[in-house]
């Protein structure tokens, strides 16, 4: 089970940090990721991180602004989002192994 948190309403240029806490054996050892779905659009990949945390993957739209990290001891994955833009507005979902989804957390960026 995955529990995402940290969303909110911010202004363009601000930062937010999302967290995704897993229970049970969800995190070990699986790739984790964040996806997002904007109103009227399909869900899209944002960032991913390998089981060890040694490799990360970013969508072009967030490279240089977003950073994913994980703490396997805490069963938690983080998404640090800087320099937010209105087009980042979406519900953000964490995912484990492309199978398990969290409930989503809303990020709204005002211009």
N, C-alpha and C. Protein backbone atom coordinates (compact mmCIF):
# COMPACT_ATOMS: atom_id res chain seq x y z
N UNK A 1 0.85 -1.19 0.00
CA UNK A 1 0.00 0.00 0.00
C UNK A 1 0.88 1.24 0.00
N UNK A 2 0.49 2.24 -0.79
CA UNK A 2 1.26 3.48 -0.91
C UNK A 2 0.41 4.66 -0.47
N UNK A 3 1.00 5.56 0.29
CA UNK A 3 0.31 6.75 0.77
C UNK A 3 1.11 7.98 0.34
N UNK A 4 0.53 8.76 -0.56
CA UNK A 4 1.19 9.97 -1.05
C UNK A 4 0.71 11.17 -0.26
N UNK A 5 1.61 12.14 -0.08
CA UNK A 5 1.26 13.36 0.63
C UNK A 5 2.17 14.49 0.17
N UNK A 6 1.81 15.71 0.57
CA UNK A 6 2.66 16.86 0.30
C UNK A 6 2.16 17.81 -0.76
N UNK A 7 1.06 17.49 -1.40
CA UNK A 7 0.53 18.37 -2.41
C UNK A 7 -0.04 19.64 -1.81
N UNK A 8 -0.36 20.59 -2.66
CA UNK A 8 -0.94 21.83 -2.18
C UNK A 8 -1.03 22.87 -3.27
N UNK A 9 -1.39 24.07 -2.85
CA UNK A 9 -1.51 25.21 -3.76
C UNK A 9 -0.31 26.13 -3.57
N UNK A 10 0.42 26.35 -4.65
CA UNK A 10 1.59 27.22 -4.59
C UNK A 10 1.58 28.16 -5.79
N UNK A 11 2.46 29.12 -5.75
CA UNK A 11 2.60 30.04 -6.86
C UNK A 11 3.74 29.59 -7.78
N UNK A 12 3.69 30.05 -9.00
CA UNK A 12 4.76 29.73 -9.95
C UNK A 12 6.11 30.14 -9.38
N UNK A 13 7.08 29.25 -9.52
CA UNK A 13 8.41 29.51 -8.98
C UNK A 13 8.64 28.92 -7.60
N UNK A 14 7.58 28.52 -6.92
CA UNK A 14 7.71 27.94 -5.60
C UNK A 14 8.15 26.48 -5.67
N UNK A 15 8.33 25.91 -4.48
CA UNK A 15 8.75 24.51 -4.38
C UNK A 15 7.78 23.72 -3.51
N UNK A 16 7.75 22.43 -3.76
CA UNK A 16 6.99 21.49 -2.95
C UNK A 16 7.78 20.19 -2.87
N UNK A 17 7.55 19.46 -1.79
CA UNK A 17 8.12 18.13 -1.70
C UNK A 17 7.01 17.12 -1.44
N UNK A 18 6.89 16.18 -2.32
CA UNK A 18 5.93 15.10 -2.15
C UNK A 18 6.61 13.90 -1.50
N UNK A 19 5.83 13.18 -0.74
CA UNK A 19 6.32 11.96 -0.12
C UNK A 19 5.39 10.81 -0.46
N UNK A 20 5.96 9.65 -0.54
CA UNK A 20 5.17 8.44 -0.80
C UNK A 20 5.68 7.37 0.16
N UNK A 21 4.84 7.04 1.12
CA UNK A 21 5.22 6.07 2.14
C UNK A 21 4.58 4.72 1.84
N UNK A 22 5.39 3.70 1.88
CA UNK A 22 4.90 2.36 1.61
C UNK A 22 4.81 1.53 2.86
N UNK A 23 3.87 0.63 2.85
CA UNK A 23 3.73 -0.31 3.96
C UNK A 23 3.95 -1.72 3.44
N UNK A 24 4.32 -2.58 4.33
CA UNK A 24 4.56 -3.95 3.93
C UNK A 24 5.84 -4.09 3.15
N UNK A 25 5.81 -4.95 2.15
CA UNK A 25 7.03 -5.25 1.39
C UNK A 25 7.07 -4.51 0.08
N UNK A 26 6.23 -3.44 -0.03
CA UNK A 26 6.10 -2.75 -1.30
C UNK A 26 7.42 -2.28 -1.88
N UNK A 27 8.29 -1.75 -1.02
CA UNK A 27 9.47 -1.09 -1.52
C UNK A 27 10.66 -1.99 -1.78
N UNK A 28 10.56 -3.21 -1.51
CA UNK A 28 11.78 -3.98 -1.52
C UNK A 28 11.67 -5.20 -2.41
N UNK A 29 12.57 -5.25 -3.37
CA UNK A 29 13.29 -4.16 -4.02
C UNK A 29 12.63 -3.87 -5.35
N UNK A 30 11.98 -2.75 -5.45
CA UNK A 30 11.25 -2.43 -6.68
C UNK A 30 11.55 -1.01 -7.14
N UNK A 31 11.41 -0.82 -8.41
CA UNK A 31 11.51 0.51 -8.97
C UNK A 31 10.29 1.31 -8.53
N UNK A 32 10.49 2.59 -8.25
CA UNK A 32 9.41 3.47 -7.84
C UNK A 32 9.34 4.64 -8.78
N UNK A 33 8.16 5.24 -8.85
CA UNK A 33 8.04 6.38 -9.74
C UNK A 33 6.90 7.28 -9.34
N UNK A 34 6.91 8.44 -9.97
CA UNK A 34 5.80 9.38 -9.85
C UNK A 34 5.23 9.62 -11.24
N UNK A 35 3.92 9.62 -11.29
CA UNK A 35 3.19 9.96 -12.50
C UNK A 35 2.26 11.12 -12.15
N UNK A 36 1.74 11.76 -13.16
CA UNK A 36 0.79 12.84 -12.90
C UNK A 36 -0.29 12.85 -13.97
N UNK A 37 -1.43 13.38 -13.57
CA UNK A 37 -2.55 13.49 -14.49
C UNK A 37 -3.18 14.86 -14.34
N UNK A 38 -3.08 15.64 -15.38
CA UNK A 38 -3.68 16.97 -15.40
C UNK A 38 -5.13 16.84 -15.86
N UNK A 39 -5.96 17.81 -15.53
CA UNK A 39 -7.37 17.77 -15.94
C UNK A 39 -7.51 17.61 -17.45
N UNK A 40 -8.29 16.62 -17.84
CA UNK A 40 -8.54 16.41 -19.26
C UNK A 40 -7.42 15.75 -20.03
N UNK A 41 -6.38 15.32 -19.32
CA UNK A 41 -5.24 14.70 -19.99
C UNK A 41 -5.00 13.30 -19.44
N UNK A 42 -4.21 12.54 -20.18
CA UNK A 42 -3.87 11.19 -19.74
C UNK A 42 -2.78 11.25 -18.67
N UNK A 43 -2.71 10.20 -17.88
CA UNK A 43 -1.66 10.10 -16.89
C UNK A 43 -0.32 9.96 -17.61
N UNK A 44 0.69 10.67 -17.09
CA UNK A 44 1.99 10.64 -17.73
C UNK A 44 3.09 10.39 -16.71
N UNK A 45 4.16 9.79 -17.20
CA UNK A 45 5.34 9.53 -16.37
C UNK A 45 6.04 10.84 -16.07
N UNK A 46 6.53 10.95 -14.82
CA UNK A 46 7.27 12.14 -14.41
C UNK A 46 8.72 11.79 -14.07
N UNK A 47 8.86 10.92 -13.08
CA UNK A 47 10.21 10.52 -12.64
C UNK A 47 10.18 9.08 -12.15
N UNK A 48 11.35 8.44 -12.19
CA UNK A 48 11.48 7.10 -11.67
C UNK A 48 12.81 6.92 -10.97
N UNK A 49 12.87 5.92 -10.10
CA UNK A 49 14.10 5.65 -9.38
C UNK A 49 14.24 4.14 -9.21
N UNK A 50 15.47 3.66 -9.37
CA UNK A 50 15.71 2.23 -9.26
C UNK A 50 15.56 1.77 -7.81
N UNK A 51 15.55 0.46 -7.63
CA UNK A 51 15.35 -0.10 -6.30
C UNK A 51 16.42 0.35 -5.32
N UNK A 52 17.64 0.46 -5.79
CA UNK A 52 18.74 0.89 -4.92
C UNK A 52 18.83 2.39 -4.78
N UNK A 53 18.19 3.10 -5.69
CA UNK A 53 18.31 4.56 -5.70
C UNK A 53 19.46 5.05 -6.55
N UNK A 54 20.20 4.13 -7.16
CA UNK A 54 21.38 4.50 -7.91
C UNK A 54 21.11 5.08 -9.28
N UNK A 55 19.92 4.83 -9.78
CA UNK A 55 19.56 5.35 -11.11
C UNK A 55 18.24 6.08 -11.04
N UNK A 56 18.18 7.19 -11.74
CA UNK A 56 16.96 7.98 -11.78
C UNK A 56 16.62 8.33 -13.23
N UNK A 57 15.36 8.57 -13.46
CA UNK A 57 14.86 8.83 -14.80
C UNK A 57 13.86 9.97 -14.73
N UNK A 58 13.96 10.90 -15.66
CA UNK A 58 13.12 12.09 -15.63
C UNK A 58 12.49 12.35 -16.99
N UNK A 59 11.26 12.78 -16.95
CA UNK A 59 10.64 13.29 -18.16
C UNK A 59 11.32 14.60 -18.53
N UNK A 60 11.40 14.88 -19.83
CA UNK A 60 12.09 16.09 -20.27
C UNK A 60 11.47 17.35 -19.66
N UNK A 61 10.19 17.31 -19.43
CA UNK A 61 9.49 18.50 -18.94
C UNK A 61 9.88 18.89 -17.52
N UNK A 62 10.50 17.97 -16.78
CA UNK A 62 10.83 18.28 -15.38
C UNK A 62 12.32 18.20 -15.09
N UNK A 63 13.12 17.84 -16.08
CA UNK A 63 14.56 17.73 -15.86
C UNK A 63 15.13 19.07 -15.39
N UNK A 64 15.98 18.99 -14.37
CA UNK A 64 16.58 20.19 -13.83
C UNK A 64 15.73 20.90 -12.79
N UNK A 65 14.47 20.50 -12.65
CA UNK A 65 13.57 21.14 -11.67
C UNK A 65 13.13 20.16 -10.59
N UNK A 66 12.91 18.91 -10.97
CA UNK A 66 12.43 17.90 -10.03
C UNK A 66 13.56 16.94 -9.69
N UNK A 67 13.52 16.45 -8.46
CA UNK A 67 14.49 15.46 -8.01
C UNK A 67 13.79 14.37 -7.23
N UNK A 68 14.01 13.13 -7.63
CA UNK A 68 13.44 12.00 -6.90
C UNK A 68 14.52 11.37 -6.05
N UNK A 69 14.12 10.91 -4.87
CA UNK A 69 15.05 10.22 -3.98
C UNK A 69 14.25 9.20 -3.17
N UNK A 70 14.98 8.33 -2.51
CA UNK A 70 14.28 7.33 -1.70
C UNK A 70 15.10 7.01 -0.46
N UNK A 71 14.37 6.61 0.56
CA UNK A 71 14.97 6.16 1.80
C UNK A 71 14.36 4.79 2.08
N UNK A 72 15.06 3.76 1.70
CA UNK A 72 14.50 2.41 1.85
C UNK A 72 14.32 2.02 3.31
N UNK A 73 15.11 2.60 4.19
CA UNK A 73 14.95 2.30 5.61
C UNK A 73 13.62 2.81 6.14
N UNK A 74 13.12 3.87 5.50
CA UNK A 74 11.84 4.46 5.91
C UNK A 74 10.71 4.09 4.96
N UNK A 75 11.03 3.26 3.96
CA UNK A 75 10.00 2.88 2.97
C UNK A 75 9.35 4.11 2.35
N UNK A 76 10.14 5.09 2.02
CA UNK A 76 9.59 6.35 1.53
C UNK A 76 10.36 6.85 0.31
N UNK A 77 9.59 7.33 -0.65
CA UNK A 77 10.15 7.98 -1.83
C UNK A 77 9.73 9.45 -1.82
N UNK A 78 10.63 10.31 -2.22
CA UNK A 78 10.38 11.74 -2.20
C UNK A 78 10.47 12.32 -3.60
N UNK A 79 9.70 13.37 -3.82
CA UNK A 79 9.80 14.12 -5.05
C UNK A 79 9.93 15.59 -4.70
N UNK A 80 11.12 16.12 -4.87
CA UNK A 80 11.36 17.54 -4.64
C UNK A 80 11.09 18.27 -5.94
N UNK A 81 10.16 19.20 -5.88
CA UNK A 81 9.77 19.94 -7.07
C UNK A 81 10.11 21.41 -6.88
N UNK A 82 11.00 21.92 -7.69
CA UNK A 82 11.41 23.31 -7.63
C UNK A 82 10.98 24.05 -8.89
N UNK A 83 10.98 25.35 -8.80
CA UNK A 83 10.64 26.18 -9.97
C UNK A 83 9.35 25.71 -10.62
N UNK A 84 8.35 25.52 -9.81
CA UNK A 84 7.08 24.99 -10.33
C UNK A 84 6.44 25.94 -11.31
N UNK A 85 5.77 25.34 -12.29
CA UNK A 85 5.09 26.09 -13.35
C UNK A 85 3.61 25.74 -13.33
N UNK A 86 2.77 26.63 -13.85
CA UNK A 86 1.34 26.30 -13.91
C UNK A 86 1.07 24.98 -14.63
N UNK A 87 1.87 24.64 -15.62
CA UNK A 87 1.67 23.38 -16.35
C UNK A 87 2.04 22.15 -15.53
N UNK A 88 2.59 22.34 -14.34
CA UNK A 88 2.85 21.22 -13.45
C UNK A 88 1.60 20.85 -12.64
N UNK A 89 0.57 21.65 -12.75
CA UNK A 89 -0.67 21.39 -12.03
C UNK A 89 -1.24 20.04 -12.45
N UNK A 90 -1.46 19.18 -11.46
CA UNK A 90 -1.95 17.83 -11.74
C UNK A 90 -2.13 17.08 -10.43
N UNK A 91 -2.77 15.95 -10.52
CA UNK A 91 -2.76 14.99 -9.42
C UNK A 91 -1.53 14.11 -9.61
N UNK A 92 -0.73 14.02 -8.60
CA UNK A 92 0.51 13.25 -8.66
C UNK A 92 0.31 11.91 -7.95
N UNK A 93 0.69 10.86 -8.64
CA UNK A 93 0.54 9.51 -8.12
C UNK A 93 1.91 8.84 -7.99
N UNK A 94 2.13 8.20 -6.86
CA UNK A 94 3.33 7.39 -6.77
C UNK A 94 2.99 5.96 -7.17
N UNK A 95 4.01 5.28 -7.61
CA UNK A 95 3.81 3.95 -8.17
C UNK A 95 4.98 3.05 -7.79
N UNK A 96 4.64 1.79 -7.54
CA UNK A 96 5.66 0.80 -7.21
C UNK A 96 5.64 -0.29 -8.27
N UNK A 97 6.75 -0.48 -8.93
CA UNK A 97 6.92 -1.58 -9.89
C UNK A 97 5.91 -1.54 -11.02
N UNK A 98 5.40 -0.40 -11.31
CA UNK A 98 4.41 -0.22 -12.38
C UNK A 98 3.13 -1.01 -12.12
N UNK A 99 2.94 -1.39 -10.86
CA UNK A 99 1.78 -2.21 -10.52
C UNK A 99 0.92 -1.57 -9.44
N UNK A 100 1.56 -1.09 -8.38
CA UNK A 100 0.82 -0.58 -7.22
C UNK A 100 0.78 0.95 -7.29
N UNK A 101 -0.40 1.50 -7.11
CA UNK A 101 -0.58 2.95 -7.18
C UNK A 101 -0.99 3.51 -5.82
N UNK A 102 -0.49 4.69 -5.52
CA UNK A 102 -0.96 5.43 -4.37
C UNK A 102 -2.24 6.17 -4.74
N UNK A 103 -2.82 6.87 -3.78
CA UNK A 103 -4.11 7.49 -4.00
C UNK A 103 -4.04 8.83 -4.71
N UNK A 104 -2.89 9.41 -4.85
CA UNK A 104 -2.75 10.68 -5.54
C UNK A 104 -2.79 11.86 -4.59
N UNK A 105 -2.02 12.88 -4.93
CA UNK A 105 -2.03 14.12 -4.17
C UNK A 105 -2.04 15.28 -5.17
N UNK A 106 -2.89 16.26 -4.92
CA UNK A 106 -3.11 17.34 -5.87
C UNK A 106 -2.08 18.45 -5.70
N UNK A 107 -1.47 18.83 -6.80
CA UNK A 107 -0.55 19.95 -6.85
C UNK A 107 -1.16 21.00 -7.78
N UNK A 108 -1.35 22.19 -7.25
CA UNK A 108 -1.90 23.29 -8.04
C UNK A 108 -0.91 24.44 -8.02
N UNK A 109 -0.51 24.88 -9.21
CA UNK A 109 0.46 25.96 -9.33
C UNK A 109 -0.24 27.13 -10.01
N UNK A 110 -0.35 28.23 -9.30
CA UNK A 110 -1.00 29.41 -9.86
C UNK A 110 0.04 30.32 -10.51
N UNK A 111 -0.40 31.03 -11.53
CA UNK A 111 0.52 31.92 -12.26
C UNK A 111 0.58 33.30 -11.63
